[in-house]
Amino acid sequence: MKNFKTILASLSTAALMTAMALSFNACTEQSPMQVGGESTSITRAPGELNILKSTSPASLKKAFVSQKLITVAQGGKIEVGDNQHGKSRLNFKSGDVSQNVLVTFSWESTGLLEGGAEFSPHGTVFNNPVQIRLSYKDADLTGINEEDIKIWYFNEEDGVWELIAGEVHSDDKFVQGYIEHFSRYAIGTE
């Protein structure tokens, strides 16, 4: 009976370790992104996607970085930006992460408006899709239909942008969607 309990304890520990390891796989090994509950397969090569760009040269030197501890029990919100450039954020609900995690949200005008918002620890996978809002308040919209703006994820392994989707809030100048893991994201049009 003692050997049985030892074996059972070992199996439980192994199962827990496996679950934790799976939650931190590299982002190129994730399941497909979800758009309205359905898998998406829309991809664009870097040159085929029109990433939004800033309206002013001064904005190109602006960078925002924020860190926050997101807990399993309470979740949390992490926000970057300001009133001039707009505010971008992630909203975590209770249980969205498997363990407490210190999240870093990096948003640079040269990044988001020319290639991406970066979240780390890179590759962290969520238990549930997490709400993301990316601002385009400081973006040059010349020739762009705001309703066509979407959130895209950069798949490093394949070297392509994958469509996440997004709901445009033109009055407040942000796109909202849901992501399943940390990586590099951007807003743009096809």
Protein backbone atom coordinates (compact mmCIF):
# COMPACT_ATOMS: atom_id res chain seq x y z
CA MET A 1 0.00 0.00 0.00
CA LYS A 2 2.89 2.36 0.78
CA ASN A 3 4.39 1.74 -2.69
CA PHE A 4 1.00 2.48 -4.27
CA LYS A 5 0.81 5.86 -2.47
CA THR A 6 4.37 6.67 -3.51
CA ILE A 7 3.60 5.82 -7.15
CA LEU A 8 0.36 7.83 -7.02
CA ALA A 9 2.17 10.84 -5.55
CA SER A 10 4.87 10.58 -8.24
CA LEU A 11 2.27 10.43 -11.00
CA SER A 12 0.43 13.43 -9.56
CA THR A 13 3.65 15.42 -9.40
CA ALA A 14 4.56 14.44 -12.96
CA ALA A 15 1.10 15.45 -14.21
CA LEU A 16 1.37 18.82 -12.47
CA MET A 17 4.85 19.46 -13.89
CA THR A 18 3.66 18.50 -17.40
CA ALA A 19 0.68 20.87 -17.14
CA MET A 20 2.94 23.72 -16.03
CA ALA A 21 5.42 23.05 -18.83
CA LEU A 22 2.65 23.00 -21.43
CA SER A 23 1.38 26.36 -20.25
CA PHE A 24 4.73 27.97 -21.12
CA ASN A 25 5.40 26.51 -24.59
CA ALA A 26 7.00 28.74 -27.18
CA CYS A 27 4.43 30.87 -28.97
CA THR A 28 5.07 29.23 -32.31
CA GLU A 29 3.69 25.98 -30.92
CA GLN A 30 0.29 27.38 -29.91
CA SER A 31 -3.10 26.40 -31.16
CA PRO A 32 -4.52 28.59 -33.93
CA MET A 33 -5.83 32.00 -32.92
CA GLN A 34 -9.55 32.34 -32.45
CA VAL A 35 -11.83 34.73 -34.32
CA GLY A 36 -15.33 34.63 -32.89
CA GLY A 37 -14.79 31.08 -31.62
CA GLU A 38 -13.50 29.78 -34.96
CA SER A 39 -9.89 29.08 -35.94
CA THR A 40 -8.44 31.56 -38.37
CA SER A 41 -6.06 30.76 -41.17
CA ILE A 42 -5.67 34.24 -42.65
CA THR A 43 -1.99 35.09 -42.87
CA ARG A 44 -0.01 37.86 -44.54
CA ALA A 45 3.70 38.20 -45.23
CA PRO A 46 5.23 41.26 -43.52
CA GLY A 47 5.14 43.32 -46.74
CA GLU A 48 1.51 42.39 -47.42
CA LEU A 49 0.16 43.94 -44.22
CA ASN A 50 -0.33 47.69 -43.81
CA ILE A 51 0.83 48.25 -40.20
CA LEU A 52 -0.47 51.60 -38.90
CA LYS A 53 2.11 54.37 -38.58
CA SER A 54 2.32 57.39 -36.31
CA THR A 55 1.19 60.84 -37.46
CA SER A 56 4.08 62.77 -35.92
CA PRO A 57 7.87 62.27 -36.01
CA ALA A 58 8.07 63.07 -32.26
CA SER A 59 5.83 60.08 -31.54
CA LEU A 60 8.32 57.76 -33.18
CA LYS A 61 10.66 58.25 -30.23
CA LYS A 62 7.97 57.58 -27.57
CA ALA A 63 8.07 54.27 -25.71
CA PHE A 64 5.85 52.92 -22.96
CA VAL A 65 6.67 49.93 -20.76
CA SER A 66 4.67 48.69 -17.79
CA GLN A 67 4.94 45.69 -15.47
CA LYS A 68 2.25 44.19 -13.27
CA LEU A 69 1.82 41.01 -11.27
CA ILE A 70 -1.21 39.14 -12.60
CA THR A 71 -2.57 36.63 -10.10
CA VAL A 72 -4.52 33.43 -10.57
CA ALA A 73 -7.08 34.50 -7.96
CA GLN A 74 -7.72 38.09 -9.03
CA GLY A 75 -6.40 38.52 -12.55
CA GLY A 76 -5.65 42.19 -13.18
CA LYS A 77 -5.29 44.92 -15.77
CA ILE A 78 -2.06 46.22 -17.28
CA GLU A 79 -2.09 49.47 -19.26
CA VAL A 80 0.47 51.51 -21.19
CA GLY A 81 0.30 54.81 -23.03
CA ASP A 82 -0.94 58.32 -22.33
CA ASN A 83 -3.73 60.66 -23.41
CA GLN A 84 -1.78 62.05 -26.38
CA HIS A 85 -0.77 58.71 -27.92
CA GLY A 86 -3.67 56.62 -26.64
CA LYS A 87 -3.80 53.85 -24.08
CA SER A 88 -3.45 50.14 -24.76
CA ARG A 89 -4.23 47.42 -22.23
CA LEU A 90 -4.75 43.78 -21.33
CA ASN A 91 -7.56 42.66 -19.01
CA PHE A 92 -7.11 39.39 -17.12
CA LYS A 93 -10.00 37.76 -15.26
CA SER A 94 -9.63 35.44 -12.30
CA GLY A 95 -8.28 32.08 -13.49
CA ASP A 96 -6.97 33.31 -16.86
CA VAL A 97 -3.40 32.38 -15.84
CA SER A 98 -2.26 29.05 -14.38
CA GLN A 99 0.15 30.68 -11.93
CA ASN A 100 0.95 34.19 -10.77
CA VAL A 101 3.02 35.92 -13.44
CA LEU A 102 4.87 39.24 -13.69
CA VAL A 103 3.70 40.65 -17.03
CA THR A 104 5.66 43.18 -19.08
CA PHE A 105 3.78 45.17 -21.72
CA SER A 106 6.07 47.08 -24.11
CA TRP A 107 4.50 49.50 -26.56
CA GLU A 108 6.63 51.80 -28.68
CA SER A 109 5.40 54.14 -31.34
CA THR A 110 8.09 52.60 -33.50
CA GLY A 111 6.83 49.18 -32.38
CA LEU A 112 3.04 49.24 -32.26
CA LEU A 113 2.71 51.76 -35.03
CA GLU A 114 5.45 50.16 -37.10
CA GLY A 115 5.45 46.54 -36.07
CA GLY A 116 4.08 45.52 -32.72
CA ALA A 117 3.28 45.53 -29.06
CA GLU A 118 5.40 43.02 -27.15
CA PHE A 119 4.20 41.02 -24.15
CA SER A 120 6.33 38.85 -21.89
CA PRO A 121 7.12 36.38 -20.53
CA HIS A 122 7.11 35.42 -24.21
CA GLY A 123 5.06 32.32 -24.97
CA THR A 124 2.93 32.36 -21.80
CA VAL A 125 -0.35 30.60 -22.62
CA PHE A 126 -3.63 31.54 -20.94
CA ASN A 127 -6.39 29.30 -19.60
CA ASN A 128 -8.94 31.57 -21.31
CA PRO A 129 -8.62 34.16 -24.08
CA VAL A 130 -7.54 37.52 -22.63
CA GLN A 131 -9.02 40.83 -23.76
CA ILE A 132 -6.59 43.16 -25.53
CA ARG A 133 -7.13 46.77 -26.55
CA LEU A 134 -4.59 48.42 -28.85
CA SER A 135 -4.87 52.18 -29.43
CA TYR A 136 -4.53 53.81 -32.81
CA LYS A 137 -5.18 57.34 -31.52
CA ASP A 138 -1.83 58.59 -32.85
CA ALA A 139 -1.99 56.69 -36.16
CA ASP A 140 -1.98 58.15 -39.66
CA LEU A 141 -5.30 56.98 -41.14
CA THR A 142 -4.77 58.55 -44.57
CA GLY A 143 -6.38 56.19 -47.09
CA ILE A 144 -7.45 53.72 -44.37
CA ASN A 145 -11.02 52.69 -43.60
CA GLU A 146 -11.12 52.47 -39.78
CA GLU A 147 -13.55 49.54 -39.92
CA ASP A 148 -10.85 47.47 -41.68
CA ILE A 149 -8.32 47.81 -38.83
CA LYS A 150 -7.61 44.45 -37.14
CA ILE A 151 -5.22 42.95 -34.60
CA TRP A 152 -2.52 40.67 -36.00
CA TYR A 153 -0.09 38.25 -34.33
CA PHE A 154 3.42 37.76 -35.71
CA ASN A 155 4.18 34.05 -36.10
CA GLU A 156 7.98 34.01 -35.84
CA GLU A 157 8.36 30.41 -37.00
CA ASP A 158 6.54 30.98 -40.30
CA GLY A 159 7.51 34.65 -40.66
CA VAL A 160 3.91 35.77 -41.26
CA TRP A 161 1.25 37.90 -39.59
CA GLU A 162 -1.84 35.92 -38.51
CA LEU A 163 -5.23 37.56 -38.16
CA ILE A 164 -6.58 37.75 -34.61
CA ALA A 165 -9.60 39.91 -35.52
CA GLY A 166 -10.76 42.93 -33.67
CA GLU A 167 -13.68 45.13 -32.90
CA VAL A 168 -13.02 48.74 -33.88
CA HIS A 169 -14.09 51.47 -31.43
CA SER A 170 -13.67 54.49 -33.70
CA ASP A 171 -14.91 57.04 -31.12
CA ASP A 172 -12.14 56.07 -28.67
CA LYS A 173 -9.60 55.03 -31.36
CA PHE A 174 -8.80 51.47 -30.27
CA VAL A 175 -9.22 47.92 -31.55
CA GLN A 176 -10.32 45.23 -29.12
CA GLY A 177 -9.90 41.49 -29.45
CA TYR A 178 -8.75 38.40 -27.56
CA ILE A 179 -5.38 36.69 -27.45
CA GLU A 180 -4.40 33.25 -26.18
CA HIS A 181 -0.70 33.80 -25.44
CA PHE A 182 2.03 36.40 -25.20
CA SER A 183 4.01 37.32 -28.27
CA ARG A 184 4.22 40.26 -30.68
CA TYR A 185 1.02 41.89 -31.93
CA ALA A 186 0.21 44.84 -34.19
CA ILE A 187 -2.76 46.67 -35.66
CA GLY A 188 -3.11 47.08 -39.39
CA THR A 189 -5.15 46.54 -42.53
CA GLU A 190 -4.84 44.21 -45.48
